[in-house]
């Protein structure tokens, strides 16, 4: 299954509570953090909540 490399590019400070919680659930704590997640509908939904705070690229 494909994987997604997710990098936090902007801070969650001053954002809505659900956006801050989504960043934490993804495993992102600070700007520049990178996590690799499986490409699943649940993860895609989380990324759709915070597209302005993260950068996403596919990894084979």
N, C-alpha and C. Protein backbone atom coordinates (compact mmCIF):
# COMPACT_ATOMS: atom_id res chain seq x y z
N UNK A 1 0.84 -1.19 0.00
CA UNK A 1 0.00 0.00 0.00
C UNK A 1 0.88 1.24 0.00
N UNK A 2 0.43 2.28 -0.67
CA UNK A 2 1.19 3.52 -0.74
C UNK A 2 1.28 4.18 0.62
N UNK A 3 2.28 5.02 0.77
CA UNK A 3 2.45 5.75 2.02
C UNK A 3 2.52 7.24 1.73
N UNK A 4 2.18 8.02 2.74
CA UNK A 4 2.21 9.47 2.63
C UNK A 4 3.21 10.04 3.62
N UNK A 5 4.04 10.93 3.13
CA UNK A 5 4.99 11.64 4.00
C UNK A 5 4.37 12.99 4.32
N UNK A 6 4.12 13.23 5.60
CA UNK A 6 3.42 14.43 6.04
C UNK A 6 4.40 15.29 6.85
N UNK A 7 4.55 16.55 6.44
CA UNK A 7 5.44 17.48 7.13
C UNK A 7 4.62 18.66 7.62
N UNK A 8 4.79 19.02 8.89
CA UNK A 8 4.08 20.19 9.41
C UNK A 8 4.84 21.44 8.97
N UNK A 9 4.13 22.35 8.29
CA UNK A 9 4.77 23.55 7.76
C UNK A 9 4.37 24.82 8.50
N UNK A 10 3.24 24.77 9.21
CA UNK A 10 2.78 25.94 9.95
C UNK A 10 2.32 25.52 11.34
N UNK A 11 2.30 26.48 12.23
CA UNK A 11 1.95 26.24 13.62
C UNK A 11 0.45 26.03 13.82
N UNK A 12 0.12 25.28 14.85
CA UNK A 12 -1.27 25.08 15.21
C UNK A 12 -1.76 26.12 16.20
N UNK A 13 -0.88 27.02 16.62
CA UNK A 13 -1.26 28.06 17.59
C UNK A 13 -2.29 28.99 16.96
N UNK A 14 -3.35 29.25 17.69
CA UNK A 14 -4.39 30.15 17.21
C UNK A 14 -5.39 29.48 16.28
N UNK A 15 -5.23 28.19 16.05
CA UNK A 15 -6.16 27.46 15.18
C UNK A 15 -7.28 26.86 16.03
N UNK A 16 -8.28 26.34 15.36
CA UNK A 16 -9.39 25.71 16.06
C UNK A 16 -8.90 24.47 16.80
N UNK A 17 -9.63 24.13 17.87
CA UNK A 17 -9.25 22.99 18.70
C UNK A 17 -9.17 21.69 17.89
N UNK A 18 -10.13 21.46 16.98
CA UNK A 18 -10.11 20.20 16.23
C UNK A 18 -8.90 20.14 15.30
N UNK A 19 -8.42 21.26 14.81
CA UNK A 19 -7.23 21.26 13.96
C UNK A 19 -5.98 20.95 14.78
N UNK A 20 -5.88 21.50 15.97
CA UNK A 20 -4.74 21.20 16.85
C UNK A 20 -4.74 19.73 17.23
N UNK A 21 -5.92 19.19 17.54
CA UNK A 21 -6.02 17.78 17.90
C UNK A 21 -5.68 16.87 16.73
N UNK A 22 -6.05 17.28 15.52
CA UNK A 22 -5.74 16.50 14.33
C UNK A 22 -4.23 16.43 14.12
N UNK A 23 -3.52 17.55 14.32
CA UNK A 23 -2.06 17.54 14.20
C UNK A 23 -1.45 16.56 15.20
N UNK A 24 -1.94 16.59 16.42
CA UNK A 24 -1.42 15.68 17.46
C UNK A 24 -1.71 14.23 17.11
N UNK A 25 -2.89 13.96 16.61
CA UNK A 25 -3.28 12.60 16.24
C UNK A 25 -2.40 12.08 15.11
N UNK A 26 -2.02 12.96 14.21
CA UNK A 26 -1.12 12.57 13.12
C UNK A 26 0.31 12.35 13.63
N UNK A 27 0.60 12.82 14.83
CA UNK A 27 1.94 12.65 15.40
C UNK A 27 2.84 13.84 15.18
N UNK A 28 2.25 14.98 14.84
CA UNK A 28 3.03 16.19 14.58
C UNK A 28 2.96 17.10 15.79
N UNK A 29 4.14 17.52 16.27
CA UNK A 29 4.19 18.35 17.47
C UNK A 29 4.72 19.75 17.19
N UNK A 30 5.60 19.89 16.21
CA UNK A 30 6.19 21.20 15.94
C UNK A 30 6.47 21.37 14.47
N UNK A 31 6.72 22.60 14.05
CA UNK A 31 7.00 22.89 12.65
C UNK A 31 8.25 22.11 12.23
N UNK A 32 8.16 21.47 11.08
CA UNK A 32 9.29 20.69 10.56
C UNK A 32 9.22 19.22 10.88
N UNK A 33 8.32 18.82 11.77
CA UNK A 33 8.15 17.40 12.07
C UNK A 33 7.65 16.65 10.84
N UNK A 34 8.16 15.43 10.64
CA UNK A 34 7.76 14.61 9.50
C UNK A 34 7.33 13.24 10.02
N UNK A 35 6.20 12.76 9.51
CA UNK A 35 5.73 11.41 9.81
C UNK A 35 5.34 10.73 8.51
N UNK A 36 5.46 9.41 8.48
CA UNK A 36 5.05 8.63 7.32
C UNK A 36 3.87 7.78 7.75
N UNK A 37 2.76 7.96 7.03
CA UNK A 37 1.52 7.25 7.35
C UNK A 37 1.06 6.47 6.14
N UNK A 38 0.30 5.40 6.38
CA UNK A 38 -0.29 4.65 5.27
C UNK A 38 -1.38 5.49 4.61
N UNK A 39 -1.53 5.32 3.31
CA UNK A 39 -2.54 6.06 2.56
C UNK A 39 -3.88 5.37 2.75
N UNK A 40 -4.61 5.82 3.77
CA UNK A 40 -5.91 5.24 4.10
C UNK A 40 -6.95 6.35 4.14
N UNK A 41 -8.22 6.02 3.99
CA UNK A 41 -9.26 7.05 4.02
C UNK A 41 -9.27 7.87 5.32
N UNK A 42 -8.97 7.22 6.44
CA UNK A 42 -8.98 7.93 7.72
C UNK A 42 -7.90 9.00 7.74
N UNK A 43 -6.72 8.66 7.25
CA UNK A 43 -5.60 9.61 7.22
C UNK A 43 -5.90 10.72 6.22
N UNK A 44 -6.47 10.38 5.06
CA UNK A 44 -6.83 11.40 4.07
C UNK A 44 -7.84 12.39 4.66
N UNK A 45 -8.77 11.90 5.47
CA UNK A 45 -9.74 12.78 6.12
C UNK A 45 -9.08 13.73 7.09
N UNK A 46 -8.11 13.23 7.86
CA UNK A 46 -7.38 14.09 8.79
C UNK A 46 -6.60 15.16 8.02
N UNK A 47 -5.98 14.77 6.92
CA UNK A 47 -5.21 15.72 6.12
C UNK A 47 -6.13 16.77 5.49
N UNK A 48 -7.35 16.40 5.18
CA UNK A 48 -8.30 17.36 4.62
C UNK A 48 -8.71 18.41 5.65
N UNK A 49 -8.56 18.08 6.93
CA UNK A 49 -8.89 19.02 8.00
C UNK A 49 -7.82 20.09 8.16
N UNK A 50 -6.56 19.75 7.85
CA UNK A 50 -5.45 20.69 8.08
C UNK A 50 -4.56 20.89 6.84
N UNK A 51 -5.14 21.07 5.66
CA UNK A 51 -4.28 21.18 4.47
C UNK A 51 -3.40 22.43 4.47
N UNK A 52 -3.83 23.47 5.19
CA UNK A 52 -3.09 24.71 5.25
C UNK A 52 -1.94 24.67 6.25
N UNK A 53 -1.84 23.58 7.02
CA UNK A 53 -0.79 23.46 8.03
C UNK A 53 0.26 22.40 7.69
N UNK A 54 0.00 21.58 6.68
CA UNK A 54 0.90 20.49 6.37
C UNK A 54 1.22 20.43 4.87
N UNK A 55 2.32 19.76 4.56
CA UNK A 55 2.68 19.45 3.18
C UNK A 55 2.70 17.93 3.06
N UNK A 56 2.10 17.41 2.00
CA UNK A 56 1.96 15.96 1.83
C UNK A 56 2.59 15.54 0.52
N UNK A 57 3.35 14.42 0.56
CA UNK A 57 3.85 13.84 -0.68
C UNK A 57 3.78 12.32 -0.56
N UNK A 58 3.58 11.67 -1.70
CA UNK A 58 3.49 10.22 -1.71
C UNK A 58 4.86 9.59 -1.74
N UNK A 59 5.00 8.48 -1.02
CA UNK A 59 6.25 7.73 -0.95
C UNK A 59 5.95 6.31 -1.40
N UNK A 60 6.80 5.75 -2.23
CA UNK A 60 6.60 4.38 -2.69
C UNK A 60 7.22 3.37 -1.76
